[in-house]
N, C-alpha and C. Protein backbone atom coordinates (compact mmCIF):
# COMPACT_ATOMS: atom_id res chain seq x y z
N UNK A 1 71.40 73.86 -4.45
CA UNK A 1 70.64 72.90 -3.70
C UNK A 1 71.27 72.74 -2.32
N UNK A 2 70.50 72.87 -1.24
CA UNK A 2 71.06 72.78 0.11
C UNK A 2 71.46 71.35 0.45
N UNK A 3 72.29 71.23 1.48
CA UNK A 3 72.73 69.92 1.95
C UNK A 3 71.53 69.09 2.40
N UNK A 4 71.58 67.79 2.11
CA UNK A 4 70.56 66.89 2.60
C UNK A 4 70.72 66.69 4.10
N UNK A 5 69.69 66.17 4.71
CA UNK A 5 69.73 65.91 6.15
C UNK A 5 69.59 64.42 6.38
N UNK A 6 70.51 63.88 7.19
CA UNK A 6 70.49 62.46 7.52
C UNK A 6 71.13 62.26 8.89
N UNK A 7 70.36 61.71 9.82
CA UNK A 7 70.89 61.41 11.15
C UNK A 7 71.45 59.99 11.13
N UNK A 8 72.63 59.81 11.75
CA UNK A 8 73.34 58.54 11.71
C UNK A 8 73.52 57.95 13.10
N UNK A 9 73.62 56.62 13.15
CA UNK A 9 73.93 55.90 14.39
C UNK A 9 75.10 54.97 14.10
N UNK A 10 76.12 55.03 14.95
CA UNK A 10 77.26 54.12 14.88
C UNK A 10 77.12 53.16 16.04
N UNK A 11 77.14 51.86 15.77
CA UNK A 11 77.08 50.86 16.83
C UNK A 11 78.50 50.55 17.28
N UNK A 12 78.81 50.87 18.52
CA UNK A 12 80.15 50.68 19.08
C UNK A 12 80.53 49.20 19.01
N UNK A 13 81.77 48.94 18.58
CA UNK A 13 82.28 47.58 18.50
C UNK A 13 81.89 46.84 17.24
N UNK A 14 81.15 47.51 16.34
CA UNK A 14 80.73 46.91 15.07
C UNK A 14 81.31 47.70 13.92
N UNK A 15 81.51 47.03 12.80
CA UNK A 15 81.93 47.72 11.59
C UNK A 15 80.81 48.67 11.17
N UNK A 16 81.16 49.89 10.86
CA UNK A 16 80.20 50.89 10.38
C UNK A 16 80.45 51.12 8.91
N UNK A 17 79.41 50.95 8.11
CA UNK A 17 79.50 51.25 6.68
C UNK A 17 78.17 51.85 6.25
N UNK A 18 78.23 53.06 5.73
CA UNK A 18 77.03 53.74 5.24
C UNK A 18 77.29 54.12 3.78
N UNK A 19 76.47 53.60 2.89
CA UNK A 19 76.63 53.88 1.46
C UNK A 19 75.60 54.92 1.05
N UNK A 20 76.09 56.00 0.44
CA UNK A 20 75.26 57.11 -0.01
C UNK A 20 75.48 57.31 -1.50
N UNK A 21 74.50 57.90 -2.17
CA UNK A 21 74.65 58.23 -3.59
C UNK A 21 74.29 59.68 -3.81
N UNK A 22 75.13 60.40 -4.55
CA UNK A 22 74.88 61.79 -4.89
C UNK A 22 74.34 61.83 -6.30
N UNK A 23 73.14 62.41 -6.44
CA UNK A 23 72.50 62.53 -7.74
C UNK A 23 72.21 64.00 -8.03
N UNK A 24 72.16 64.35 -9.31
CA UNK A 24 71.80 65.72 -9.68
C UNK A 24 70.29 65.89 -9.61
N UNK A 25 69.81 67.06 -9.92
CA UNK A 25 68.39 67.38 -9.81
C UNK A 25 67.51 66.51 -10.71
N UNK A 26 68.10 65.96 -11.78
CA UNK A 26 67.36 65.09 -12.70
C UNK A 26 67.45 63.62 -12.32
N UNK A 27 68.14 63.30 -11.22
CA UNK A 27 68.25 61.93 -10.76
C UNK A 27 69.42 61.16 -11.34
N UNK A 28 70.32 61.85 -12.03
CA UNK A 28 71.50 61.20 -12.59
C UNK A 28 72.62 61.19 -11.56
N UNK A 29 73.38 60.09 -11.52
CA UNK A 29 74.50 60.00 -10.59
C UNK A 29 75.56 61.02 -10.95
N UNK A 30 76.11 61.68 -9.93
CA UNK A 30 77.19 62.64 -10.13
C UNK A 30 78.50 61.88 -10.32
N UNK A 31 79.34 62.37 -11.21
CA UNK A 31 80.66 61.78 -11.42
C UNK A 31 81.62 62.37 -10.39
N UNK A 32 82.09 61.54 -9.49
CA UNK A 32 82.96 61.99 -8.40
C UNK A 32 84.44 61.73 -8.68
N UNK A 33 84.76 61.43 -9.93
CA UNK A 33 86.15 61.19 -10.30
C UNK A 33 86.98 62.44 -9.99
N UNK A 34 88.06 62.27 -9.24
CA UNK A 34 88.95 63.37 -8.89
C UNK A 34 88.50 64.20 -7.71
N UNK A 35 87.34 63.91 -7.14
CA UNK A 35 86.83 64.66 -5.98
C UNK A 35 87.58 64.27 -4.71
N UNK A 36 87.54 65.15 -3.74
CA UNK A 36 88.02 64.89 -2.39
C UNK A 36 86.82 65.00 -1.45
N UNK A 37 86.85 64.22 -0.36
CA UNK A 37 85.74 64.22 0.59
C UNK A 37 86.24 64.37 2.02
N UNK A 38 85.47 65.09 2.83
CA UNK A 38 85.83 65.30 4.23
C UNK A 38 84.54 65.36 5.07
N UNK A 39 84.58 64.66 6.20
CA UNK A 39 83.47 64.68 7.16
C UNK A 39 84.09 64.88 8.54
N UNK A 40 83.59 65.86 9.27
CA UNK A 40 84.04 66.07 10.65
C UNK A 40 82.85 65.94 11.58
N UNK A 41 83.10 65.29 12.71
CA UNK A 41 82.10 65.15 13.76
C UNK A 41 82.58 65.98 14.94
N UNK A 42 81.68 66.84 15.43
CA UNK A 42 81.98 67.70 16.58
C UNK A 42 80.84 67.54 17.59
N UNK A 43 81.09 67.91 18.83
CA UNK A 43 80.07 67.77 19.87
C UNK A 43 78.87 68.68 19.60
N UNK A 44 79.15 69.83 19.00
CA UNK A 44 78.08 70.77 18.64
C UNK A 44 78.60 71.70 17.55
N UNK A 45 77.68 72.34 16.85
CA UNK A 45 78.08 73.29 15.82
C UNK A 45 78.90 74.40 16.47
N UNK A 46 80.02 74.75 15.87
CA UNK A 46 80.88 75.80 16.39
C UNK A 46 81.98 75.31 17.32
N UNK A 47 81.92 74.04 17.73
CA UNK A 47 82.96 73.51 18.60
C UNK A 47 84.29 73.50 17.85
N UNK A 48 85.38 73.82 18.56
CA UNK A 48 86.70 73.82 17.94
C UNK A 48 87.35 72.43 17.97
N UNK A 49 86.77 71.52 18.74
CA UNK A 49 87.33 70.18 18.91
C UNK A 49 86.64 69.20 17.96
N UNK A 50 87.43 68.46 17.19
CA UNK A 50 86.90 67.43 16.28
C UNK A 50 86.91 66.10 17.01
N UNK A 51 85.75 65.45 17.10
CA UNK A 51 85.65 64.14 17.74
C UNK A 51 86.17 63.03 16.83
N UNK A 52 85.90 63.17 15.54
CA UNK A 52 86.31 62.16 14.56
C UNK A 52 86.29 62.79 13.18
N UNK A 53 87.29 62.43 12.37
CA UNK A 53 87.34 62.94 11.00
C UNK A 53 87.42 61.76 10.04
N UNK A 54 86.57 61.80 9.03
CA UNK A 54 86.59 60.82 7.96
C UNK A 54 86.92 61.56 6.68
N UNK A 55 87.91 61.05 5.93
CA UNK A 55 88.27 61.66 4.64
C UNK A 55 88.60 60.55 3.66
N UNK A 56 88.65 60.94 2.38
CA UNK A 56 89.12 59.97 1.39
C UNK A 56 90.61 59.72 1.59
N UNK A 57 91.32 60.67 2.16
CA UNK A 57 92.75 60.52 2.42
C UNK A 57 93.08 59.54 3.52
N UNK A 58 92.21 59.45 4.56
CA UNK A 58 92.49 58.51 5.66
C UNK A 58 91.75 57.19 5.48
N UNK A 59 91.09 57.02 4.32
CA UNK A 59 90.43 55.76 3.99
C UNK A 59 89.08 55.55 4.64
N UNK A 60 88.60 56.54 5.37
CA UNK A 60 87.31 56.41 6.04
C UNK A 60 86.14 56.86 5.16
N UNK A 61 86.46 57.48 4.01
CA UNK A 61 85.46 57.77 2.98
C UNK A 61 86.01 57.21 1.68
N UNK A 62 85.17 56.45 0.99
CA UNK A 62 85.54 55.89 -0.31
C UNK A 62 84.58 56.46 -1.34
N UNK A 63 85.14 57.08 -2.39
CA UNK A 63 84.33 57.67 -3.45
C UNK A 63 84.27 56.71 -4.63
N UNK A 64 83.08 56.60 -5.24
CA UNK A 64 82.85 55.61 -6.28
C UNK A 64 82.90 56.12 -7.70
N UNK A 65 83.61 57.21 -7.95
CA UNK A 65 83.77 57.69 -9.33
C UNK A 65 82.45 58.01 -10.01
N UNK A 66 82.20 57.39 -11.16
CA UNK A 66 81.03 57.73 -11.98
C UNK A 66 79.71 57.25 -11.38
N UNK A 67 79.76 56.42 -10.35
CA UNK A 67 78.52 55.90 -9.74
C UNK A 67 77.91 56.86 -8.73
N UNK A 68 78.61 57.96 -8.40
CA UNK A 68 78.11 58.91 -7.42
C UNK A 68 78.10 58.37 -6.00
N UNK A 69 78.78 57.26 -5.78
CA UNK A 69 78.76 56.61 -4.48
C UNK A 69 79.76 57.22 -3.51
N UNK A 70 79.28 57.46 -2.29
CA UNK A 70 80.10 57.94 -1.18
C UNK A 70 79.88 56.95 -0.04
N UNK A 71 80.95 56.25 0.35
CA UNK A 71 80.84 55.24 1.40
C UNK A 71 81.63 55.68 2.62
N UNK A 72 80.96 55.72 3.76
CA UNK A 72 81.59 56.03 5.04
C UNK A 72 81.95 54.70 5.70
N UNK A 73 83.19 54.57 6.18
CA UNK A 73 83.66 53.29 6.71
C UNK A 73 84.45 53.49 7.99
N UNK A 74 84.10 52.71 9.02
CA UNK A 74 84.89 52.62 10.24
C UNK A 74 85.00 51.15 10.61
N UNK A 75 86.18 50.71 11.03
CA UNK A 75 86.35 49.33 11.45
C UNK A 75 85.74 49.13 12.83
N UNK A 76 85.54 47.87 13.18
CA UNK A 76 85.02 47.56 14.51
C UNK A 76 85.97 48.06 15.60
N UNK A 77 87.29 47.96 15.33
CA UNK A 77 88.26 48.47 16.31
C UNK A 77 88.13 49.98 16.49
N UNK A 78 87.90 50.69 15.39
CA UNK A 78 87.74 52.15 15.48
C UNK A 78 86.48 52.52 16.25
N UNK A 79 85.36 51.82 16.00
CA UNK A 79 84.12 52.17 16.71
C UNK A 79 84.20 51.78 18.18
N UNK A 80 84.97 50.74 18.50
CA UNK A 80 85.15 50.33 19.90
C UNK A 80 85.77 51.46 20.71
N UNK A 81 86.67 52.22 20.07
CA UNK A 81 87.39 53.28 20.78
C UNK A 81 86.65 54.61 20.85
N UNK A 82 85.45 54.70 20.31
CA UNK A 82 84.70 55.96 20.38
C UNK A 82 84.22 56.17 21.81
N UNK A 83 84.61 57.30 22.41
CA UNK A 83 84.28 57.57 23.81
C UNK A 83 83.29 58.72 23.96
N UNK A 84 82.56 59.03 22.92
CA UNK A 84 81.53 60.06 22.96
C UNK A 84 80.21 59.42 22.52
N UNK A 85 79.09 60.09 22.78
CA UNK A 85 77.80 59.50 22.42
C UNK A 85 77.00 60.33 21.44
N UNK A 86 77.17 61.65 21.42
CA UNK A 86 76.36 62.50 20.55
C UNK A 86 77.23 63.54 19.86
N UNK A 87 76.86 63.84 18.62
CA UNK A 87 77.58 64.87 17.89
C UNK A 87 76.79 65.35 16.69
N UNK A 88 77.40 66.26 15.96
CA UNK A 88 76.85 66.77 14.70
C UNK A 88 77.94 66.62 13.64
N UNK A 89 77.52 66.55 12.38
CA UNK A 89 78.48 66.36 11.31
C UNK A 89 77.98 67.03 10.03
N UNK A 90 78.88 67.20 9.11
CA UNK A 90 78.51 67.43 7.72
C UNK A 90 79.60 66.81 6.85
N UNK A 91 79.23 66.58 5.60
CA UNK A 91 80.15 66.00 4.62
C UNK A 91 80.33 67.00 3.50
N UNK A 92 81.59 67.31 3.19
CA UNK A 92 81.90 68.22 2.10
C UNK A 92 82.65 67.48 1.00
N UNK A 93 82.27 67.75 -0.23
CA UNK A 93 82.94 67.21 -1.40
C UNK A 93 83.55 68.37 -2.17
N UNK A 94 84.80 68.21 -2.58
CA UNK A 94 85.50 69.25 -3.34
C UNK A 94 85.86 68.70 -4.71
N UNK A 95 85.43 69.41 -5.75
CA UNK A 95 85.68 68.98 -7.13
C UNK A 95 87.13 69.23 -7.50
N UNK A 96 87.60 68.59 -8.60
CA UNK A 96 88.97 68.85 -9.06
C UNK A 96 89.22 70.33 -9.35
N UNK A 97 88.16 71.08 -9.70
CA UNK A 97 88.29 72.51 -9.97
C UNK A 97 88.27 73.38 -8.72
N UNK A 98 88.05 72.77 -7.54
CA UNK A 98 88.08 73.51 -6.29
C UNK A 98 86.73 73.94 -5.75
N UNK A 99 85.64 73.61 -6.45
CA UNK A 99 84.31 73.94 -5.94
C UNK A 99 83.93 72.97 -4.83
N UNK A 100 83.38 73.51 -3.74
CA UNK A 100 83.01 72.69 -2.59
C UNK A 100 81.50 72.67 -2.43
N UNK A 101 80.97 71.48 -2.13
CA UNK A 101 79.54 71.27 -1.92
C UNK A 101 79.35 70.53 -0.61
N UNK A 102 78.45 71.05 0.24
CA UNK A 102 78.06 70.31 1.44
C UNK A 102 77.00 69.31 1.02
N UNK A 103 77.33 68.05 1.07
CA UNK A 103 76.43 66.99 0.62
C UNK A 103 75.36 66.68 1.65
N UNK A 104 75.78 66.45 2.89
CA UNK A 104 74.86 66.05 3.96
C UNK A 104 75.24 66.71 5.27
N UNK A 105 74.25 66.77 6.17
CA UNK A 105 74.48 67.23 7.53
C UNK A 105 73.48 66.53 8.43
N UNK A 106 73.81 66.49 9.71
CA UNK A 106 72.87 65.88 10.64
C UNK A 106 73.50 65.62 11.99
N UNK A 107 72.77 64.84 12.78
CA UNK A 107 73.28 64.41 14.08
C UNK A 107 73.87 63.02 13.93
N UNK A 108 74.72 62.66 14.88
CA UNK A 108 75.31 61.33 14.87
C UNK A 108 75.40 60.86 16.31
N UNK A 109 75.01 59.62 16.53
CA UNK A 109 75.02 59.04 17.87
C UNK A 109 75.84 57.76 17.85
N UNK A 110 76.49 57.48 18.98
CA UNK A 110 77.17 56.21 19.17
C UNK A 110 76.32 55.38 20.13
N UNK A 111 75.87 54.25 19.64
CA UNK A 111 75.12 53.30 20.47
C UNK A 111 76.14 52.43 21.19
N UNK A 112 76.27 52.62 22.49
CA UNK A 112 77.31 51.94 23.28
C UNK A 112 77.06 50.44 23.34
N UNK A 113 78.15 49.68 23.25
CA UNK A 113 78.10 48.23 23.27
C UNK A 113 78.07 47.71 24.71
N UNK A 114 77.31 46.65 24.92
CA UNK A 114 77.26 45.99 26.22
C UNK A 114 78.23 44.82 26.23
N UNK A 115 78.21 44.02 25.17
CA UNK A 115 79.04 42.82 25.07
C UNK A 115 80.47 43.20 24.74
N UNK A 116 81.44 42.68 25.46
CA UNK A 116 82.84 43.04 25.30
C UNK A 116 83.70 41.88 24.81
N UNK A 117 83.11 40.85 24.18
CA UNK A 117 83.91 39.72 23.70
C UNK A 117 84.14 39.80 22.20
């Protein structure tokens, strides 16, 4: 099954939290116990420079075990420091056995903040 497509918007200066669920073809939640997750944002496909990386290791991705939940999290302080506006991303999940699946891909935009208080 190919990666799903989802375009994202991060509002600068606000907490970003996106909750996703991975289900199998029959609609059952996937058990993510023991999985690792990684998401990289780049200016364009093929770019060697990573604008931002979210992983379960750096706390920016939280996996929900048997619920199939994948939560992307950035603090307001982290989004305040984003100095780019457009990019592309994908999210990869790696099973305890080493199999890797691209869960999602898409574009990502930072909506710049006007208010600075």
